[in-house]
C-alpha atoms as a PDB file:
ATOM      1  CA  UNK A   1       0.006   0.013  -0.005  1.00  0.00           C
ATOM      2  CA  UNK A   2       1.456   3.357  -0.983  1.00  0.00           C
ATOM      3  CA  UNK A   3       1.788   6.138   1.520  1.00  0.00           C
ATOM      4  CA  UNK A   4       1.567   9.867   0.983  1.00  0.00           C
ATOM      5  CA  UNK A   5       4.894  11.746   0.951  1.00  0.00           C
ATOM      6  CA  UNK A   6       5.883  13.260   4.279  1.00  0.00           C
ATOM      7  CA  UNK A   7       5.169  17.009   4.282  1.00  0.00           C
ATOM      8  CA  UNK A   8       8.320  19.166   4.152  1.00  0.00           C
ATOM      9  CA  UNK A   9       8.915  20.727   7.570  1.00  0.00           C
ATOM     10  CA  UNK A  10       9.458  24.514   7.825  1.00  0.00           C
ATOM     11  CA  UNK A  11      13.132  23.915   8.749  1.00  0.00           C
ATOM     12  CA  UNK A  12      13.694  21.720   5.642  1.00  0.00           C
ATOM     13  CA  UNK A  13      11.900  24.242   3.453  1.00  0.00           C
ATOM     14  CA  UNK A  14      14.112  26.999   4.893  1.00  0.00           C
ATOM     15  CA  UNK A  15      17.312  25.086   4.031  1.00  0.00           C
ATOM     16  CA  UNK A  16      16.102  24.520   0.445  1.00  0.00           C
ATOM     17  CA  UNK A  17      15.216  28.195   0.081  1.00  0.00           C
ATOM     18  CA  UNK A  18      18.548  29.269   1.529  1.00  0.00           C
ATOM     19  CA  UNK A  19      20.389  26.909  -0.846  1.00  0.00           C
ATOM     20  CA  UNK A  20      18.508  28.337  -3.830  1.00  0.00           C
ATOM     21  CA  UNK A  21      19.202  31.890  -2.714  1.00  0.00           C
ATOM     22  CA  UNK A  22      22.881  31.052  -2.337  1.00  0.00           C
ATOM     23  CA  UNK A  23      22.954  29.485  -5.772  1.00  0.00           C
ATOM     24  CA  UNK A  24      21.404  32.546  -7.331  1.00  0.00           C
ATOM     25  CA  UNK A  25      23.746  34.895  -5.462  1.00  0.00           C
ATOM     26  CA  UNK A  26      26.780  32.837  -6.402  1.00  0.00           C
ATOM     27  CA  UNK A  27      25.840  32.979 -10.091  1.00  0.00           C
ATOM     28  CA  UNK A  28      25.450  36.764  -9.920  1.00  0.00           C
ATOM     29  CA  UNK A  29      28.735  37.198  -8.097  1.00  0.00           C
ATOM     30  CA  UNK A  30      30.631  35.035 -10.576  1.00  0.00           C
ATOM     31  CA  UNK A  31      29.178  37.016 -13.516  1.00  0.00           C
ATOM     32  CA  UNK A  32      30.073  40.292 -11.848  1.00  0.00           C
ATOM     33  CA  UNK A  33      33.639  39.254 -11.022  1.00  0.00           C
ATOM     34  CA  UNK A  34      34.224  37.932 -14.555  1.00  0.00           C
ATOM     35  CA  UNK A  35      32.953  41.218 -15.987  1.00  0.00           C
ATOM     36  CA  UNK A  36      35.208  43.289 -13.701  1.00  0.00           C
ATOM     37  CA  UNK A  37      38.199  41.006 -14.511  1.00  0.00           C
ATOM     38  CA  UNK A  38      37.556  41.694 -18.198  1.00  0.00           C
ATOM     39  CA  UNK A  39      37.196  45.439 -17.651  1.00  0.00           C
ATOM     40  CA  UNK A  40      40.338  45.624 -15.518  1.00  0.00           C
ATOM     41  CA  UNK A  41      42.763  43.187 -17.107  1.00  0.00           C
ATOM     42  CA  UNK A  42      41.629  43.308 -20.801  1.00  0.00           C
ATOM     43  CA  UNK A  43      40.051  46.713 -21.335  1.00  0.00           C
ATOM     44  CA  UNK A  44      42.050  48.632 -18.684  1.00  0.00           C
ATOM     45  CA  UNK A  45      38.786  50.419 -17.728  1.00  0.00           C
ATOM     46  CA  UNK A  46      37.914  49.392 -14.158  1.00  0.00           C
ATOM     47  CA  UNK A  47      34.511  50.472 -12.895  1.00  0.00           C
ATOM     48  CA  UNK A  48      34.958  49.629  -9.220  1.00  0.00           C
ATOM     49  CA  UNK A  49      37.735  50.081  -6.669  1.00  0.00           C
ATOM     50  CA  UNK A  50      40.045  47.270  -5.549  1.00  0.00           C
ATOM     51  CA  UNK A  51      38.265  47.284  -2.187  1.00  0.00           C
ATOM     52  CA  UNK A  52      34.868  46.763  -3.840  1.00  0.00           C
ATOM     53  CA  UNK A  53      36.264  43.964  -5.992  1.00  0.00           C
ATOM     54  CA  UNK A  54      37.847  42.290  -2.893  1.00  0.00           C
ATOM     55  CA  UNK A  55      34.443  42.479  -1.158  1.00  0.00           C
ATOM     56  CA  UNK A  56      32.708  40.711  -4.041  1.00  0.00           C
ATOM     57  CA  UNK A  57      35.437  38.048  -4.166  1.00  0.00           C
ATOM     58  CA  UNK A  58      35.277  37.399  -0.378  1.00  0.00           C
ATOM     59  CA  UNK A  59      31.524  37.090  -0.492  1.00  0.00           C
ATOM     60  CA  UNK A  60      31.740  34.554  -3.291  1.00  0.00           C
ATOM     61  CA  UNK A  61      34.464  32.622  -1.482  1.00  0.00           C
ATOM     62  CA  UNK A  62      32.452  32.581   1.794  1.00  0.00           C
ATOM     63  CA  UNK A  63      29.335  31.332  -0.003  1.00  0.00           C
ATOM     64  CA  UNK A  64      31.251  28.556  -1.770  1.00  0.00           C
ATOM     65  CA  UNK A  65      32.760  27.549   1.566  1.00  0.00           C
ATOM     66  CA  UNK A  66      29.343  27.390   3.087  1.00  0.00           C
ATOM     67  CA  UNK A  67      27.875  25.489   0.093  1.00  0.00           C
ATOM     68  CA  UNK A  68      30.720  23.356  -1.303  1.00  0.00           C
ATOM     69  CA  UNK A  69      28.337  21.493  -3.612  1.00  0.00           C
ATOM     70  CA  UNK A  70      27.974  24.770  -5.566  1.00  0.00           C
ATOM     71  CA  UNK A  71      31.696  25.134  -6.301  1.00  0.00           C
ATOM     72  CA  UNK A  72      32.430  24.996 -10.023  1.00  0.00           C
ATOM     73  CA  UNK A  73      35.760  24.543 -11.797  1.00  0.00           C
ATOM     74  CA  UNK A  74      35.251  27.772 -13.784  1.00  0.00           C
ATOM     75  CA  UNK A  75      34.522  29.891 -10.701  1.00  0.00           C
ATOM     76  CA  UNK A  76      36.892  32.873 -10.188  1.00  0.00           C
ATOM     77  CA  UNK A  77      37.825  31.396  -6.821  1.00  0.00           C
ATOM     78  CA  UNK A  78      39.200  28.268  -8.426  1.00  0.00           C
ATOM     79  CA  UNK A  79      42.034  29.886 -10.445  1.00  0.00           C
ATOM     80  CA  UNK A  80      44.626  28.966  -7.845  1.00  0.00           C
ATOM     81  CA  UNK A  81      44.749  25.945  -5.578  1.00  0.00           C
ATOM     82  CA  UNK A  82      45.996  22.992  -7.568  1.00  0.00           C
ATOM     83  CA  UNK A  83      48.839  21.161  -5.753  1.00  0.00           C
ATOM     84  CA  UNK A  84      52.349  21.301  -7.186  1.00  0.00           C
ATOM     85  CA  UNK A  85      53.068  18.797  -9.939  1.00  0.00           C
ATOM     86  CA  UNK A  86      56.239  16.731 -10.608  1.00  0.00           C
ATOM     87  CA  UNK A  87      56.523  17.606 -14.318  1.00  0.00           C
ATOM     88  CA  UNK A  88      54.743  19.331 -17.179  1.00  0.00           C
ATOM     89  CA  UNK A  89      53.087  16.645 -19.317  1.00  0.00           C
ATOM     90  CA  UNK A  90      53.233  16.727 -23.084  1.00  0.00           C
ATOM     91  CA  UNK A  91      50.122  17.485 -25.111  1.00  0.00           C
ATOM     92  CA  UNK A  92      49.643  17.278 -28.867  1.00  0.00           C
ATOM     93  CA  UNK A  93      48.170  20.290 -30.667  1.00  0.00           C
ATOM     94  CA  UNK A  94      45.002  19.715 -32.736  1.00  0.00           C
ATOM     95  CA  UNK A  95      46.712  21.533 -35.572  1.00  0.00           C
ATOM     96  CA  UNK A  96      50.417  22.283 -35.965  1.00  0.00           C
ATOM     97  CA  UNK A  97      51.316  25.499 -34.159  1.00  0.00           C
ATOM     98  CA  UNK A  98      53.601  27.256 -36.551  1.00  0.00           C
ATOM     99  CA  UNK A  99      55.777  30.156 -35.525  1.00  0.00           C
ATOM    100  CA  UNK A 100      54.696  33.664 -36.554  1.00  0.00           C
ATOM    101  CA  UNK A 101      57.070  35.483 -38.881  1.00  0.00           C
ATOM    102  CA  UNK A 102      57.475  39.105 -37.904  1.00  0.00           C
ATOM    103  CA  UNK A 103      58.072  42.064 -40.161  1.00  0.00           C
ATOM    104  CA  UNK A 104      60.805  44.389 -38.867  1.00  0.00           C
ATOM    105  CA  UNK A 105      61.287  46.929 -41.661  1.00  0.00           C
ATOM    106  CA  UNK A 106      59.741  48.313 -44.904  1.00  0.00           C
ATOM    107  CA  UNK A 107      61.691  45.962 -47.098  1.00  0.00           C
ATOM    108  CA  UNK A 108      60.143  42.997 -45.216  1.00  0.00           C
ATOM    109  CA  UNK A 109      56.699  44.432 -45.848  1.00  0.00           C
ATOM    110  CA  UNK A 110      57.272  44.910 -49.548  1.00  0.00           C
ATOM    111  CA  UNK A 111      58.803  41.414 -49.883  1.00  0.00           C
ATOM    112  CA  UNK A 112      55.849  39.887 -48.092  1.00  0.00           C
ATOM    113  CA  UNK A 113      53.414  41.713 -50.424  1.00  0.00           C
ATOM    114  CA  UNK A 114      55.225  40.515 -53.532  1.00  0.00           C
ATOM    115  CA  UNK A 115      55.276  36.944 -52.269  1.00  0.00           C
ATOM    116  CA  UNK A 116      51.534  37.009 -51.506  1.00  0.00           C
ATOM    117  CA  UNK A 117      50.644  38.451 -54.918  1.00  0.00           C
ATOM    118  CA  UNK A 118      52.828  35.978 -56.716  1.00  0.00           C
ATOM    119  CA  UNK A 119      51.141  33.065 -54.973  1.00  0.00           C
ATOM    120  CA  UNK A 120      47.645  34.460 -55.516  1.00  0.00           C
ATOM    121  CA  UNK A 121      48.379  34.992 -59.228  1.00  0.00           C
ATOM    122  CA  UNK A 122      49.168  31.270 -59.498  1.00  0.00           C
ATOM    123  CA  UNK A 123      45.967  30.382 -57.689  1.00  0.00           C
ATOM    124  CA  UNK A 124      43.659  32.862 -59.432  1.00  0.00           C
ATOM    125  CA  UNK A 125      45.255  32.537 -62.900  1.00  0.00           C
ATOM    126  CA  UNK A 126      45.576  36.328 -63.048  1.00  0.00           C
ATOM    127  CA  UNK A 127      47.280  39.219 -61.265  1.00  0.00           C
ATOM    128  CA  UNK A 128      45.235  40.463 -58.292  1.00  0.00           C
ATOM    129  CA  UNK A 129      44.155  44.078 -58.495  1.00  0.00           C
ATOM    130  CA  UNK A 130      46.121  46.611 -56.363  1.00  0.00           C
ATOM    131  CA  UNK A 131      43.179  47.077 -53.944  1.00  0.00           C
ATOM    132  CA  UNK A 132      42.027  43.430 -54.014  1.00  0.00           C
ATOM    133  CA  UNK A 133      44.418  42.105 -51.364  1.00  0.00           C
ATOM    134  CA  UNK A 134      43.494  43.297 -47.881  1.00  0.00           C
ATOM    135  CA  UNK A 135      45.772  42.825 -44.855  1.00  0.00           C
ATOM    136  CA  UNK A 136      45.420  42.798 -41.097  1.00  0.00           C
ATOM    137  CA  UNK A 137      48.381  44.012 -39.075  1.00  0.00           C
ATOM    138  CA  UNK A 138      49.128  43.930 -35.393  1.00  0.00           C
ATOM    139  CA  UNK A 139      52.180  44.113 -33.110  1.00  0.00           C
ATOM    140  CA  UNK A 140      54.027  40.846 -32.483  1.00  0.00           C
ATOM    141  CA  UNK A 141      54.122  40.609 -28.697  1.00  0.00           C
ATOM    142  CA  UNK A 142      57.441  39.261 -27.421  1.00  0.00           C
ATOM    143  CA  UNK A 143      56.327  36.496 -25.053  1.00  0.00           C
ATOM    144  CA  UNK A 144      55.499  32.836 -24.972  1.00  0.00           C
ATOM    145  CA  UNK A 145      53.025  31.371 -27.500  1.00  0.00           C
ATOM    146  CA  UNK A 146      50.247  29.201 -26.145  1.00  0.00           C
ATOM    147  CA  UNK A 147      47.252  27.212 -27.337  1.00  0.00           C
ATOM    148  CA  UNK A 148      43.913  27.494 -25.490  1.00  0.00           C
ATOM    149  CA  UNK A 149      41.035  25.021 -25.759  1.00  0.00           C
ATOM    150  CA  UNK A 150      37.450  25.826 -24.765  1.00  0.00           C
ATOM    151  CA  UNK A 151      34.674  23.243 -24.677  1.00  0.00           C
ATOM    152  CA  UNK A 152      31.150  24.377 -24.063  1.00  0.00           C
ATOM    153  CA  UNK A 153      32.494  27.873 -23.520  1.00  0.00           C
ATOM    154  CA  UNK A 154      34.686  26.647 -20.600  1.00  0.00           C
ATOM    155  CA  UNK A 155      38.508  26.749 -20.595  1.00  0.00           C
ATOM    156  CA  UNK A 156      39.661  23.100 -20.426  1.00  0.00           C
ATOM    157  CA  UNK A 157      43.299  22.974 -21.588  1.00  0.00           C
ATOM    158  CA  UNK A 158      46.256  25.175 -22.363  1.00  0.00           C
ATOM    159  CA  UNK A 159      49.665  24.296 -23.769  1.00  0.00           C
ATOM    160  CA  UNK A 160      52.922  25.913 -24.781  1.00  0.00           C
ATOM    161  CA  UNK A 161      53.909  25.889 -28.454  1.00  0.00           C
ATOM    162  CA  UNK A 162      56.802  23.493 -27.854  1.00  0.00           C
ATOM    163  CA  UNK A 163      58.095  22.134 -31.198  1.00  0.00           C
ATOM    164  CA  UNK A 164      54.892  23.159 -32.976  1.00  0.00           C
ATOM    165  CA  UNK A 165      53.363  19.699 -32.881  1.00  0.00           C
ATOM    166  CA  UNK A 166      53.672  18.875 -29.192  1.00  0.00           C
ATOM    167  CA  UNK A 167      53.785  21.326 -26.295  1.00  0.00           C
ATOM    168  CA  UNK A 168      53.694  21.298 -22.491  1.00  0.00           C
ATOM    169  CA  UNK A 169      50.417  21.214 -20.602  1.00  0.00           C
ATOM    170  CA  UNK A 170      50.273  24.446 -18.545  1.00  0.00           C
ATOM    171  CA  UNK A 171      46.500  24.466 -17.917  1.00  0.00           C
ATOM    172  CA  UNK A 172      46.681  24.944 -14.172  1.00  0.00           C
ATOM    173  CA  UNK A 173      49.142  27.853 -14.575  1.00  0.00           C
ATOM    174  CA  UNK A 174      47.105  29.573 -17.286  1.00  0.00           C
ATOM    175  CA  UNK A 175      44.067  29.415 -15.058  1.00  0.00           C
ATOM    176  CA  UNK A 176      45.805  31.839 -12.686  1.00  0.00           C
ATOM    177  CA  UNK A 177      45.879  34.633 -15.348  1.00  0.00           C
ATOM    178  CA  UNK A 178      43.112  37.089 -14.562  1.00  0.00           C
ATOM    179  CA  UNK A 179      43.137  38.326 -18.173  1.00  0.00           C
ATOM    180  CA  UNK A 180      42.187  34.854 -19.375  1.00  0.00           C
ATOM    181  CA  UNK A 181      38.454  34.052 -19.082  1.00  0.00           C
ATOM    182  CA  UNK A 182      37.724  30.637 -17.629  1.00  0.00           C
ATOM    183  CA  UNK A 183      34.284  30.887 -19.228  1.00  0.00           C
ATOM    184  CA  UNK A 184      33.480  32.674 -22.458  1.00  0.00           C
ATOM    185  CA  UNK A 185      30.641  35.161 -22.690  1.00  0.00           C
ATOM    186  CA  UNK A 186      27.777  32.792 -23.412  1.00  0.00           C
ATOM    187  CA  UNK A 187      25.355  35.515 -24.556  1.00  0.00           C
ATOM    188  CA  UNK A 188      27.734  36.010 -27.557  1.00  0.00           C
ATOM    189  CA  UNK A 189      27.107  32.370 -28.568  1.00  0.00           C
ATOM    190  CA  UNK A 190      30.677  30.945 -28.670  1.00  0.00           C
ATOM    191  CA  UNK A 191      31.179  27.654 -30.505  1.00  0.00           C
ATOM    192  CA  UNK A 192      30.949  24.440 -28.569  1.00  0.00           C
ATOM    193  CA  UNK A 193      34.631  23.652 -29.343  1.00  0.00           C
ATOM    194  CA  UNK A 194      37.189  26.365 -29.837  1.00  0.00           C
ATOM    195  CA  UNK A 195      40.988  26.402 -30.155  1.00  0.00           C
ATOM    196  CA  UNK A 196      42.711  29.790 -29.851  1.00  0.00           C
ATOM    197  CA  UNK A 197      46.318  30.864 -30.122  1.00  0.00           C
ATOM    198  CA  UNK A 198      47.724  33.554 -27.885  1.00  0.00           C
ATOM    199  CA  UNK A 199      50.832  35.105 -26.383  1.00  0.00           C
ATOM    200  CA  UNK A 200      51.605  35.229 -22.695  1.00  0.00           C
ATOM    201  CA  UNK A 201      53.788  38.236 -21.794  1.00  0.00           C
ATOM    202  CA  UNK A 202      54.712  40.661 -19.055  1.00  0.00           C
ATOM    203  CA  UNK A 203      54.315  44.450 -19.177  1.00  0.00           C
ATOM    204  CA  UNK A 204      57.582  46.318 -18.768  1.00  0.00           C
ATOM    205  CA  UNK A 205      56.526  48.099 -15.560  1.00  0.00           C
ATOM    206  CA  UNK A 206      55.472  44.775 -13.997  1.00  0.00           C
ATOM    207  CA  UNK A 207      58.670  43.097 -15.154  1.00  0.00           C
ATOM    208  CA  UNK A 208      60.809  45.745 -13.520  1.00  0.00           C
ATOM    209  CA  UNK A 209      58.865  45.548 -10.276  1.00  0.00           C
ATOM    210  CA  UNK A 210      59.220  41.730 -10.290  1.00  0.00           C
ATOM    211  CA  UNK A 211      62.973  41.955 -10.791  1.00  0.00           C
ATOM    212  CA  UNK A 212      63.256  44.387  -7.918  1.00  0.00           C
ATOM    213  CA  UNK A 213      61.466  41.979  -5.607  1.00  0.00           C
ATOM    214  CA  UNK A 214      63.725  39.100  -6.815  1.00  0.00           C
ATOM    215  CA  UNK A 215      66.957  41.028  -6.287  1.00  0.00           C
ATOM    216  CA  UNK A 216      65.845  42.151  -2.836  1.00  0.00           C
ATOM    217  CA  UNK A 217      65.765  38.407  -1.954  1.00  0.00           C
ATOM    218  CA  UNK A 218      69.284  38.129  -3.386  1.00  0.00           C
ATOM    219  CA  UNK A 219      68.101  35.865  -6.173  1.00  0.00           C
ATOM    220  CA  UNK A 220      69.055  36.046  -9.852  1.00  0.00           C
ATOM    221  CA  UNK A 221      66.885  38.498 -11.815  1.00  0.00           C
ATOM    222  CA  UNK A 222      65.318  37.686 -15.208  1.00  0.00           C
ATOM    223  CA  UNK A 223      67.223  38.858 -18.272  1.00  0.00           C
ATOM    224  CA  UNK A 224      64.170  40.258 -20.067  1.00  0.00           C
ATOM    225  CA  UNK A 225      60.368  40.149 -19.971  1.00  0.00           C
ATOM    226  CA  UNK A 226      60.134  37.220 -22.399  1.00  0.00           C
ATOM    227  CA  UNK A 227      62.301  35.008 -20.194  1.00  0.00           C
ATOM    228  CA  UNK A 228      60.269  36.132 -17.174  1.00  0.00           C
ATOM    229  CA  UNK A 229      57.021  35.207 -18.863  1.00  0.00           C
ATOM    230  CA  UNK A 230      58.301  31.830 -20.022  1.00  0.00           C
ATOM    231  CA  UNK A 231      59.839  30.963 -16.658  1.00  0.00           C
ATOM    232  CA  UNK A 232      56.732  32.057 -14.776  1.00  0.00           C
ATOM    233  CA  UNK A 233      54.289  30.085 -16.957  1.00  0.00           C
ATOM    234  CA  UNK A 234      56.306  26.863 -16.869  1.00  0.00           C
ATOM    235  CA  UNK A 235      56.338  26.566 -13.085  1.00  0.00           C
ATOM    236  CA  UNK A 236      55.451  23.265 -11.443  1.00  0.00           C
ATOM    237  CA  UNK A 237      53.676  25.146  -8.661  1.00  0.00           C
ATOM    238  CA  UNK A 238      50.754  27.246  -9.923  1.00  0.00           C
ATOM    239  CA  UNK A 239      50.885  29.344  -6.798  1.00  0.00           C
ATOM    240  CA  UNK A 240      54.228  30.802  -8.006  1.00  0.00           C
ATOM    241  CA  UNK A 241      52.663  31.559 -11.387  1.00  0.00           C
ATOM    242  CA  UNK A 242      49.753  33.262  -9.671  1.00  0.00           C
ATOM    243  CA  UNK A 243      52.164  35.684  -8.030  1.00  0.00           C
ATOM    244  CA  UNK A 244      53.736  36.711 -11.358  1.00  0.00           C
ATOM    245  CA  UNK A 245      52.186  39.570 -13.318  1.00  0.00           C
ATOM    246  CA  UNK A 246      51.413  37.645 -16.495  1.00  0.00           C
ATOM    247  CA  UNK A 247      48.887  38.764 -19.118  1.00  0.00           C
ATOM    248  CA  UNK A 248      47.711  37.210 -22.348  1.00  0.00           C
ATOM    249  CA  UNK A 249      46.556  38.447 -25.763  1.00  0.00           C
ATOM    250  CA  UNK A 250      44.876  36.240 -28.347  1.00  0.00           C
ATOM    251  CA  UNK A 251      45.593  36.520 -32.041  1.00  0.00           C
ATOM    252  CA  UNK A 252      44.136  33.558 -33.936  1.00  0.00           C
ATOM    253  CA  UNK A 253      41.434  30.915 -33.975  1.00  0.00           C
ATOM    254  CA  UNK A 254      42.539  27.649 -35.569  1.00  0.00           C
ATOM    255  CA  UNK A 255      39.664  25.219 -34.836  1.00  0.00           C
ATOM    256  CA  UNK A 256      36.027  25.686 -33.910  1.00  0.00           C
ATOM    257  CA  UNK A 257      32.814  23.760 -34.236  1.00  0.00           C
ATOM    258  CA  UNK A 258      31.013  25.116 -37.289  1.00  0.00           C
ATOM    259  CA  UNK A 259      32.558  27.288 -39.941  1.00  0.00           C
ATOM    260  CA  UNK A 260      35.306  29.829 -39.264  1.00  0.00           C
ATOM    261  CA  UNK A 261      34.687  33.519 -40.062  1.00  0.00           C
ATOM    262  CA  UNK A 262      35.570  34.451 -43.688  1.00  0.00           C
ATOM    263  CA  UNK A 263      38.249  36.982 -42.731  1.00  0.00           C
ATOM    264  CA  UNK A 264      40.903  37.250 -40.045  1.00  0.00           C
ATOM    265  CA  UNK A 265      39.442  40.608 -38.991  1.00  0.00           C
ATOM    266  CA  UNK A 266      36.022  39.029 -38.420  1.00  0.00           C
ATOM    267  CA  UNK A 267      37.727  36.265 -36.514  1.00  0.00           C
ATOM    268  CA  UNK A 268      39.355  38.732 -34.119  1.00  0.00           C
ATOM    269  CA  UNK A 269      36.033  40.560 -33.644  1.00  0.00           C
ATOM    270  CA  UNK A 270      34.401  37.196 -32.758  1.00  0.00           C
ATOM    271  CA  UNK A 271      37.124  36.335 -30.270  1.00  0.00           C
ATOM    272  CA  UNK A 272      36.675  39.746 -28.657  1.00  0.00           C
ATOM    273  CA  UNK A 273      32.895  39.353 -28.448  1.00  0.00           C
ATOM    274  CA  UNK A 274      33.450  36.080 -26.559  1.00  0.00           C
ATOM    275  CA  UNK A 275      35.541  37.974 -23.964  1.00  0.00           C
ATOM    276  CA  UNK A 276      38.989  37.000 -25.052  1.00  0.00           C
ATOM    277  CA  UNK A 277      41.761  39.663 -24.871  1.00  0.00           C
ATOM    278  CA  UNK A 278      42.818  41.141 -28.209  1.00  0.00           C
ATOM    279  CA  UNK A 279      45.881  43.164 -29.318  1.00  0.00           C
ATOM    280  CA  UNK A 280      45.310  46.796 -28.399  1.00  0.00           C
ATOM    281  CA  UNK A 281      46.726  48.014 -31.762  1.00  0.00           C
ATOM    282  CA  UNK A 282      45.432  46.258 -34.856  1.00  0.00           C
ATOM    283  CA  UNK A 283      44.409  47.562 -38.212  1.00  0.00           C
ATOM    284  CA  UNK A 284      42.809  46.438 -41.406  1.00  0.00           C
ATOM    285  CA  UNK A 285      44.819  47.761 -44.369  1.00  0.00           C
ATOM    286  CA  UNK A 286      43.552  47.983 -47.928  1.00  0.00           C
ATOM    287  CA  UNK A 287      46.930  48.648 -49.511  1.00  0.00           C
ATOM    288  CA  UNK A 288      50.660  48.113 -49.129  1.00  0.00           C
ATOM    289  CA  UNK A 289      51.104  51.790 -48.291  1.00  0.00           C
ATOM    290  CA  UNK A 290      48.686  51.469 -45.339  1.00  0.00           C
ATOM    291  CA  UNK A 291      50.653  48.504 -44.004  1.00  0.00           C
ATOM    292  CA  UNK A 292      53.924  50.501 -44.263  1.00  0.00           C
ATOM    293  CA  UNK A 293      52.250  53.465 -42.537  1.00  0.00           C
ATOM    294  CA  UNK A 294      51.066  51.250 -39.638  1.00  0.00           C
ATOM    295  CA  UNK A 295      54.551  49.788 -39.316  1.00  0.00           C
ATOM    296  CA  UNK A 296      56.027  53.302 -39.145  1.00  0.00           C
ATOM    297  CA  UNK A 297      53.521  54.293 -36.428  1.00  0.00           C
ATOM    298  CA  UNK A 298      54.380  51.221 -34.309  1.00  0.00           C
ATOM    299  CA  UNK A 299      58.113  51.859 -34.694  1.00  0.00           C
ATOM    300  CA  UNK A 300      57.664  55.495 -33.684  1.00  0.00           C
ATOM    301  CA  UNK A 301      55.754  54.425 -30.566  1.00  0.00           C
ATOM    302  CA  UNK A 302      57.935  51.408 -29.791  1.00  0.00           C
ATOM    303  CA  UNK A 303      59.927  52.991 -26.949  1.00  0.00           C
ATOM    304  CA  UNK A 304      56.655  54.207 -25.355  1.00  0.00           C
ATOM    305  CA  UNK A 305      54.805  50.886 -25.545  1.00  0.00           C
ATOM    306  CA  UNK A 306      54.137  49.258 -22.163  1.00  0.00           C
ATOM    307  CA  UNK A 307      55.400  45.899 -23.481  1.00  0.00           C
ATOM    308  CA  UNK A 308      58.152  44.606 -25.712  1.00  0.00           C
ATOM    309  CA  UNK A 309      57.411  43.699 -29.355  1.00  0.00           C
ATOM    310  CA  UNK A 310      59.300  41.891 -32.115  1.00  0.00           C
ATOM    311  CA  UNK A 311      58.075  43.851 -35.143  1.00  0.00           C
ATOM    312  CA  UNK A 312      54.626  43.438 -36.545  1.00  0.00           C
ATOM    313  CA  UNK A 313      52.602  40.527 -37.975  1.00  0.00           C
ATOM    314  CA  UNK A 314      51.020  40.966 -41.398  1.00  0.00           C
ATOM    315  CA  UNK A 315      48.320  38.542 -42.525  1.00  0.00           C
ATOM    316  CA  UNK A 316      46.155  38.335 -45.587  1.00  0.00           C
ATOM    317  CA  UNK A 317      42.717  39.122 -44.355  1.00  0.00           C
ATOM    318  CA  UNK A 318      40.747  36.592 -46.431  1.00  0.00           C
ATOM    319  CA  UNK A 319      41.122  33.211 -44.756  1.00  0.00           C
ATOM    320  CA  UNK A 320      40.819  31.312 -48.043  1.00  0.00           C
ATOM    321  CA  UNK A 321      43.798  33.243 -49.392  1.00  0.00           C
ATOM    322  CA  UNK A 322      46.039  32.659 -46.439  1.00  0.00           C
END
């Protein structure tokens, strides 16, 4: 004989309601913290003070401590905390991760344009018109190249370039970078599977401050920001990486579920809409003269840039012509 379910007591109902309220508040706090991380670390346009940010973070941490079943791997509180590892494991890239060739002077720009037009003439069976080949140009950040993998909008793996085919798994260290979103902006409808290339680097001011702290401890300072970035990202203890002022910029999407955007410029716009950090200076150029002018601007600003660069990167904008 079946029996009627036991009515829920007021105390039980109160626990359920409190759990639901905590779940809602945790979701709002995570969304707010991700937004402020993006504004601070990517856009450099903070909207709240450090004290207000710390208050939000502490509230989230306290709620997750009180309700451990609500802790999620992509929560802002979970960036640091993995135990030290014995070695960095190897991981194979989904597509070969080729090195980026930089352009360092005008002759390089002209030589690149001639090479592109020569190859396109073979493919098209005719000479491309002067204004037919469009380029995208951006600074080549002098740091450590990495591959990022997102599944379902969540960051699941990161690796160094290595030999281009196989790199080192630095997922737990990349998770400590506040400029790297652990979850993409879902309202922008990111693909279910996404592979992105980026560069981890250190701003000059942060590099100098880090070296001062190191020399005060009578330890050997880093030779340059690139070495500092590489050494910091390849740590076996993610807590050390978390203390280093690393930032990341993304420059390419190599794999995604569904079709890729038709142009590199559209690709960068899509990555930005999903919350990924983009190069601050990038330009779409409709002629060789515009590319040369951009290169001249970057060279003129080089000594005033807050980070080190190794020339510029020039890409044919149309993906099917790359």
